[in-house]
Amino acid sequence: MSDCLFCKIIAGEIPSEKVHETSTTFAFRDINPQSNVHVLVVPKAHHEDAAALAAADPRLLADVITAGAAVAKQEGIDESGYRLVFNTGEHAGRTVFHAHLHVLGGEQLGLFGRPGS
């Protein structure tokens, strides 16, 4: 997609700090990290969100999750624990309309749910 931020990052049109790459995925550091380790894993093919990706190409969704686990290992957080998160829809806080997996860790993470709960 020509106006998609993540498509431009994958194409090298916008700089990023690449962490991991496979033939089907690209992983880079989040510019606004929410934990000590915060890496985004995106499929190279454009899909709007995780639900669209799962419906269109379950194998590619599996590649994204596998790449997320590889990033956790590479970043040294595979044994201490990490979180894999897809934000899908307005209430989840999704801001970029290209499926992406957040790999979060490197510190004790808070609980999920409502802010302050």
N, C-alpha and C. Protein backbone atom coordinates (compact mmCIF):
# COMPACT_ATOMS: atom_id res chain seq x y z
N MET A 1 0.83 -1.18 0.00
CA MET A 1 0.00 0.00 0.00
C MET A 1 0.88 1.24 0.00
N SER A 2 0.65 2.14 -0.91
CA SER A 2 1.55 3.26 -1.11
C SER A 2 1.58 4.26 0.05
N ASP A 3 0.50 4.38 0.82
CA ASP A 3 0.49 5.36 1.90
C ASP A 3 0.63 4.72 3.29
N CYS A 4 0.96 3.44 3.34
CA CYS A 4 1.07 2.72 4.61
C CYS A 4 2.47 2.93 5.21
N LEU A 5 2.50 3.40 6.45
CA LEU A 5 3.75 3.65 7.15
C LEU A 5 4.64 2.41 7.20
N PHE A 6 4.06 1.26 7.58
CA PHE A 6 4.87 0.05 7.71
C PHE A 6 5.31 -0.49 6.36
N CYS A 7 4.50 -0.34 5.34
CA CYS A 7 4.93 -0.74 3.99
C CYS A 7 6.14 0.09 3.55
N LYS A 8 6.13 1.38 3.91
CA LYS A 8 7.27 2.25 3.57
C LYS A 8 8.52 1.86 4.36
N ILE A 9 8.34 1.45 5.61
CA ILE A 9 9.48 0.99 6.41
C ILE A 9 10.05 -0.29 5.81
N ILE A 10 9.19 -1.23 5.45
CA ILE A 10 9.64 -2.49 4.85
C ILE A 10 10.40 -2.23 3.55
N ALA A 11 9.92 -1.26 2.77
CA ALA A 11 10.54 -0.92 1.48
C ALA A 11 11.83 -0.12 1.64
N GLY A 12 12.14 0.30 2.86
CA GLY A 12 13.34 1.10 3.09
C GLY A 12 13.16 2.57 2.79
N GLU A 13 11.94 3.02 2.56
CA GLU A 13 11.65 4.42 2.26
C GLU A 13 11.66 5.28 3.52
N ILE A 14 11.41 4.65 4.66
CA ILE A 14 11.46 5.31 5.97
C ILE A 14 12.44 4.51 6.81
N PRO A 15 13.40 5.19 7.44
CA PRO A 15 14.40 4.45 8.22
C PRO A 15 13.80 3.79 9.46
N SER A 16 14.39 2.67 9.83
CA SER A 16 14.01 1.96 11.05
C SER A 16 15.23 1.23 11.57
N GLU A 17 15.15 0.81 12.81
CA GLU A 17 16.22 0.00 13.39
C GLU A 17 15.82 -1.46 13.28
N LYS A 18 16.28 -2.09 12.19
CA LYS A 18 15.93 -3.48 11.94
C LYS A 18 16.52 -4.38 13.02
N VAL A 19 15.70 -5.32 13.47
CA VAL A 19 16.10 -6.28 14.50
C VAL A 19 16.19 -7.68 13.93
N HIS A 20 15.27 -8.01 13.01
CA HIS A 20 15.17 -9.37 12.49
C HIS A 20 14.42 -9.31 11.16
N GLU A 21 14.78 -10.22 10.25
CA GLU A 21 14.08 -10.26 8.97
C GLU A 21 14.07 -11.68 8.45
N THR A 22 12.95 -12.05 7.87
CA THR A 22 12.83 -13.33 7.17
C THR A 22 12.29 -13.01 5.78
N SER A 23 12.06 -14.03 5.00
CA SER A 23 11.51 -13.80 3.65
C SER A 23 10.09 -13.24 3.70
N THR A 24 9.38 -13.44 4.82
CA THR A 24 7.98 -13.00 4.91
C THR A 24 7.71 -11.95 5.98
N THR A 25 8.70 -11.69 6.87
CA THR A 25 8.48 -10.76 7.97
C THR A 25 9.63 -9.77 8.11
N PHE A 26 9.32 -8.67 8.78
CA PHE A 26 10.32 -7.64 9.06
C PHE A 26 10.07 -7.16 10.49
N ALA A 27 11.13 -7.09 11.30
CA ALA A 27 11.00 -6.66 12.69
C ALA A 27 11.91 -5.46 12.95
N PHE A 28 11.37 -4.49 13.67
CA PHE A 28 12.13 -3.27 13.94
C PHE A 28 11.70 -2.71 15.30
N ARG A 29 12.58 -1.88 15.88
CA ARG A 29 12.30 -1.30 17.19
C ARG A 29 11.19 -0.26 17.09
N ASP A 30 10.30 -0.28 18.08
CA ASP A 30 9.23 0.70 18.16
C ASP A 30 9.85 2.06 18.49
N ILE A 31 9.38 3.12 17.84
CA ILE A 31 9.95 4.46 18.10
C ILE A 31 9.43 5.06 19.41
N ASN A 32 8.40 4.44 19.99
CA ASN A 32 7.86 4.90 21.26
C ASN A 32 7.73 3.68 22.19
N PRO A 33 8.88 3.14 22.65
CA PRO A 33 8.86 1.87 23.38
C PRO A 33 8.05 1.95 24.67
N GLN A 34 7.30 0.88 24.93
CA GLN A 34 6.49 0.76 26.13
C GLN A 34 7.11 -0.19 27.15
N SER A 35 8.28 -0.71 26.83
CA SER A 35 9.05 -1.56 27.75
C SER A 35 10.51 -1.51 27.31
N ASN A 36 11.39 -2.09 28.11
CA ASN A 36 12.82 -2.07 27.76
C ASN A 36 13.06 -2.67 26.37
N VAL A 37 12.36 -3.74 26.06
CA VAL A 37 12.39 -4.32 24.72
C VAL A 37 11.00 -4.12 24.12
N HIS A 38 10.94 -3.44 23.00
CA HIS A 38 9.67 -3.24 22.30
C HIS A 38 9.97 -3.25 20.80
N VAL A 39 9.69 -4.40 20.20
CA VAL A 39 9.96 -4.61 18.78
C VAL A 39 8.65 -4.92 18.09
N LEU A 40 8.48 -4.38 16.90
CA LEU A 40 7.31 -4.65 16.08
C LEU A 40 7.69 -5.66 15.00
N VAL A 41 6.87 -6.69 14.84
CA VAL A 41 7.06 -7.67 13.79
C VAL A 41 5.90 -7.52 12.83
N VAL A 42 6.20 -7.27 11.56
CA VAL A 42 5.15 -7.06 10.56
C VAL A 42 5.32 -8.06 9.42
N PRO A 43 4.19 -8.50 8.86
CA PRO A 43 4.31 -9.29 7.63
C PRO A 43 4.70 -8.35 6.50
N LYS A 44 5.51 -8.82 5.59
CA LYS A 44 5.90 -7.97 4.45
C LYS A 44 4.72 -7.70 3.54
N ALA A 45 3.79 -8.62 3.46
CA ALA A 45 2.56 -8.41 2.69
C ALA A 45 1.61 -7.58 3.54
N HIS A 46 0.94 -6.63 2.92
CA HIS A 46 0.04 -5.75 3.65
C HIS A 46 -1.29 -6.46 3.96
N HIS A 47 -1.63 -6.46 5.25
CA HIS A 47 -2.94 -6.90 5.74
C HIS A 47 -3.32 -5.90 6.81
N GLU A 48 -4.57 -5.47 6.82
CA GLU A 48 -4.99 -4.37 7.69
C GLU A 48 -4.78 -4.66 9.18
N ASP A 49 -5.11 -5.85 9.62
CA ASP A 49 -4.96 -6.19 11.03
C ASP A 49 -4.81 -7.69 11.20
N ALA A 50 -4.69 -8.13 12.44
CA ALA A 50 -4.46 -9.56 12.71
C ALA A 50 -5.61 -10.42 12.22
N ALA A 51 -6.84 -9.93 12.35
CA ALA A 51 -8.00 -10.71 11.89
C ALA A 51 -7.98 -10.88 10.38
N ALA A 52 -7.68 -9.82 9.67
CA ALA A 52 -7.59 -9.90 8.20
C ALA A 52 -6.45 -10.81 7.78
N LEU A 53 -5.32 -10.73 8.47
CA LEU A 53 -4.18 -11.58 8.18
C LEU A 53 -4.53 -13.05 8.41
N ALA A 54 -5.17 -13.35 9.52
CA ALA A 54 -5.55 -14.73 9.83
C ALA A 54 -6.50 -15.29 8.80
N ALA A 55 -7.44 -14.47 8.35
CA ALA A 55 -8.42 -14.92 7.36
C ALA A 55 -7.77 -15.14 5.99
N ALA A 56 -6.85 -14.26 5.63
CA ALA A 56 -6.25 -14.31 4.29
C ALA A 56 -5.10 -15.30 4.18
N ASP A 57 -4.29 -15.41 5.24
CA ASP A 57 -3.06 -16.20 5.13
C ASP A 57 -2.61 -16.71 6.50
N PRO A 58 -3.25 -17.76 7.00
CA PRO A 58 -2.88 -18.29 8.33
C PRO A 58 -1.41 -18.67 8.45
N ARG A 59 -0.82 -19.13 7.37
CA ARG A 59 0.60 -19.50 7.40
C ARG A 59 1.48 -18.27 7.66
N LEU A 60 1.11 -17.14 7.04
CA LEU A 60 1.86 -15.91 7.26
C LEU A 60 1.68 -15.42 8.69
N LEU A 61 0.49 -15.58 9.25
CA LEU A 61 0.27 -15.23 10.65
C LEU A 61 1.20 -16.07 11.54
N ALA A 62 1.32 -17.34 11.24
CA ALA A 62 2.24 -18.21 11.99
C ALA A 62 3.69 -17.73 11.83
N ASP A 63 4.05 -17.28 10.64
CA ASP A 63 5.41 -16.74 10.41
C ASP A 63 5.66 -15.53 11.31
N VAL A 64 4.66 -14.66 11.45
CA VAL A 64 4.81 -13.46 12.28
C VAL A 64 5.03 -13.86 13.73
N ILE A 65 4.28 -14.82 14.22
CA ILE A 65 4.43 -15.26 15.61
C ILE A 65 5.77 -15.96 15.80
N THR A 66 6.17 -16.77 14.85
CA THR A 66 7.48 -17.43 14.92
C THR A 66 8.60 -16.40 14.94
N ALA A 67 8.47 -15.36 14.12
CA ALA A 67 9.47 -14.29 14.12
C ALA A 67 9.47 -13.56 15.46
N GLY A 68 8.30 -13.38 16.06
CA GLY A 68 8.23 -12.76 17.38
C GLY A 68 8.99 -13.56 18.42
N ALA A 69 8.85 -14.87 18.39
CA ALA A 69 9.60 -15.73 19.32
C ALA A 69 11.10 -15.65 19.04
N ALA A 70 11.48 -15.57 17.77
CA ALA A 70 12.90 -15.44 17.41
C ALA A 70 13.46 -14.11 17.91
N VAL A 71 12.68 -13.06 17.82
CA VAL A 71 13.10 -11.75 18.33
C VAL A 71 13.31 -11.82 19.84
N ALA A 72 12.37 -12.45 20.55
CA ALA A 72 12.51 -12.59 22.00
C ALA A 72 13.80 -13.30 22.37
N LYS A 73 14.10 -14.36 21.64
CA LYS A 73 15.35 -15.09 21.90
C LYS A 73 16.57 -14.22 21.59
N GLN A 74 16.53 -13.56 20.45
CA GLN A 74 17.64 -12.69 20.03
C GLN A 74 17.87 -11.56 21.04
N GLU A 75 16.79 -11.03 21.60
CA GLU A 75 16.88 -9.92 22.55
C GLU A 75 17.19 -10.40 23.97
N GLY A 76 17.24 -11.73 24.18
CA GLY A 76 17.59 -12.28 25.48
C GLY A 76 16.47 -12.24 26.50
N ILE A 77 15.22 -12.20 26.03
CA ILE A 77 14.10 -12.15 26.97
C ILE A 77 13.26 -13.43 26.91
N ASP A 78 13.72 -14.41 26.17
CA ASP A 78 12.94 -15.64 25.99
C ASP A 78 12.79 -16.43 27.28
N GLU A 79 13.74 -16.34 28.18
CA GLU A 79 13.64 -17.12 29.42
C GLU A 79 13.00 -16.32 30.55
N SER A 80 13.20 -15.02 30.57
CA SER A 80 12.63 -14.20 31.65
C SER A 80 11.15 -13.92 31.43
N GLY A 81 10.71 -13.98 30.17
CA GLY A 81 9.30 -13.76 29.85
C GLY A 81 9.10 -12.56 28.95
N TYR A 82 8.11 -12.68 28.11
CA TYR A 82 7.79 -11.61 27.18
C TYR A 82 6.33 -11.69 26.80
N ARG A 83 5.85 -10.64 26.17
CA ARG A 83 4.46 -10.56 25.76
C ARG A 83 4.41 -10.35 24.26
N LEU A 84 3.49 -11.08 23.59
CA LEU A 84 3.21 -10.89 22.18
C LEU A 84 1.81 -10.30 22.08
N VAL A 85 1.65 -9.14 21.44
CA VAL A 85 0.37 -8.44 21.42
C VAL A 85 0.04 -7.95 20.01
N PHE A 86 -1.18 -8.24 19.57
CA PHE A 86 -1.77 -7.62 18.38
C PHE A 86 -2.85 -6.67 18.86
N ASN A 87 -2.87 -5.44 18.39
CA ASN A 87 -3.96 -4.51 18.66
C ASN A 87 -4.84 -4.47 17.43
N THR A 88 -6.10 -4.85 17.61
CA THR A 88 -7.03 -4.90 16.48
C THR A 88 -8.26 -4.10 16.84
N GLY A 89 -8.49 -3.02 16.11
CA GLY A 89 -9.67 -2.20 16.32
C GLY A 89 -9.41 -0.98 17.18
N GLU A 90 -10.36 -0.06 17.12
CA GLU A 90 -10.25 1.23 17.80
C GLU A 90 -10.07 1.09 19.32
N HIS A 91 -10.83 0.24 19.97
CA HIS A 91 -10.75 0.12 21.42
C HIS A 91 -9.44 -0.49 21.89
N ALA A 92 -8.74 -1.16 21.01
CA ALA A 92 -7.45 -1.75 21.37
C ALA A 92 -6.31 -0.74 21.24
N GLY A 93 -6.59 0.42 20.65
CA GLY A 93 -5.57 1.44 20.51
C GLY A 93 -4.72 1.31 19.26
N ARG A 94 -5.22 0.58 18.27
CA ARG A 94 -4.46 0.43 17.02
C ARG A 94 -4.33 1.79 16.34
N THR A 95 -3.11 2.11 15.90
CA THR A 95 -2.87 3.40 15.24
C THR A 95 -2.34 3.25 13.83
N VAL A 96 -1.81 2.08 13.49
CA VAL A 96 -1.30 1.84 12.14
C VAL A 96 -2.10 0.68 11.56
N PHE A 97 -2.59 0.87 10.34
CA PHE A 97 -3.48 -0.11 9.72
C PHE A 97 -2.70 -1.09 8.83
N HIS A 98 -1.73 -1.74 9.43
CA HIS A 98 -0.94 -2.82 8.84
C HIS A 98 -0.71 -3.77 10.00
N ALA A 99 -1.12 -5.01 9.86
CA ALA A 99 -0.98 -5.98 10.95
C ALA A 99 0.43 -5.93 11.53
N HIS A 100 0.52 -5.89 12.85
CA HIS A 100 1.83 -5.90 13.49
C HIS A 100 1.73 -6.50 14.88
N LEU A 101 2.77 -7.23 15.22
CA LEU A 101 2.88 -7.90 16.50
C LEU A 101 3.88 -7.15 17.36
N HIS A 102 3.47 -6.78 18.56
CA HIS A 102 4.37 -6.14 19.52
C HIS A 102 5.06 -7.24 20.33
N VAL A 103 6.38 -7.18 20.42
CA VAL A 103 7.15 -8.06 21.29
C VAL A 103 7.64 -7.17 22.42
N LEU A 104 7.15 -7.44 23.63
CA LEU A 104 7.44 -6.59 24.78
C LEU A 104 8.09 -7.41 25.88
N GLY A 105 9.09 -6.85 26.54
CA GLY A 105 9.73 -7.54 27.65
C GLY A 105 10.96 -6.81 28.13
N GLY A 106 11.82 -7.55 28.80
CA GLY A 106 13.05 -6.97 29.32
C GLY A 106 12.88 -6.33 30.68
N GLU A 107 11.68 -6.44 31.25
CA GLU A 107 11.38 -5.91 32.57
C GLU A 107 10.07 -6.53 33.03
N GLN A 108 9.72 -6.34 34.31
CA GLN A 108 8.44 -6.81 34.80
C GLN A 108 7.33 -5.97 34.17
N LEU A 109 6.43 -6.63 33.45
CA LEU A 109 5.35 -5.92 32.78
C LEU A 109 4.13 -5.86 33.70
N GLY A 110 3.33 -4.81 33.52
CA GLY A 110 2.12 -4.66 34.31
C GLY A 110 1.03 -5.60 33.82
N LEU A 111 -0.09 -5.56 34.51
CA LEU A 111 -1.23 -6.39 34.15
C LEU A 111 -1.96 -5.79 32.97
N PHE A 112 -2.73 -6.62 32.29
CA PHE A 112 -3.58 -6.16 31.20
C PHE A 112 -4.87 -5.61 31.76
N GLY A 113 -5.60 -4.91 30.93
CA GLY A 113 -6.92 -4.45 31.32
C GLY A 113 -7.02 -2.95 31.32
N ARG A 114 -7.97 -2.47 32.09
CA ARG A 114 -8.23 -1.04 32.15
C ARG A 114 -7.08 -0.33 32.84
N PRO A 115 -6.78 0.90 32.39
CA PRO A 115 -5.75 1.69 33.08
C PRO A 115 -6.11 1.85 34.56
N GLY A 116 -5.15 1.66 35.43
CA GLY A 116 -5.36 1.82 36.85
C GLY A 116 -5.99 0.62 37.53
N SER A 117 -6.31 -0.43 36.77
CA SER A 117 -6.94 -1.62 37.39
C SER A 117 -5.90 -2.61 37.82
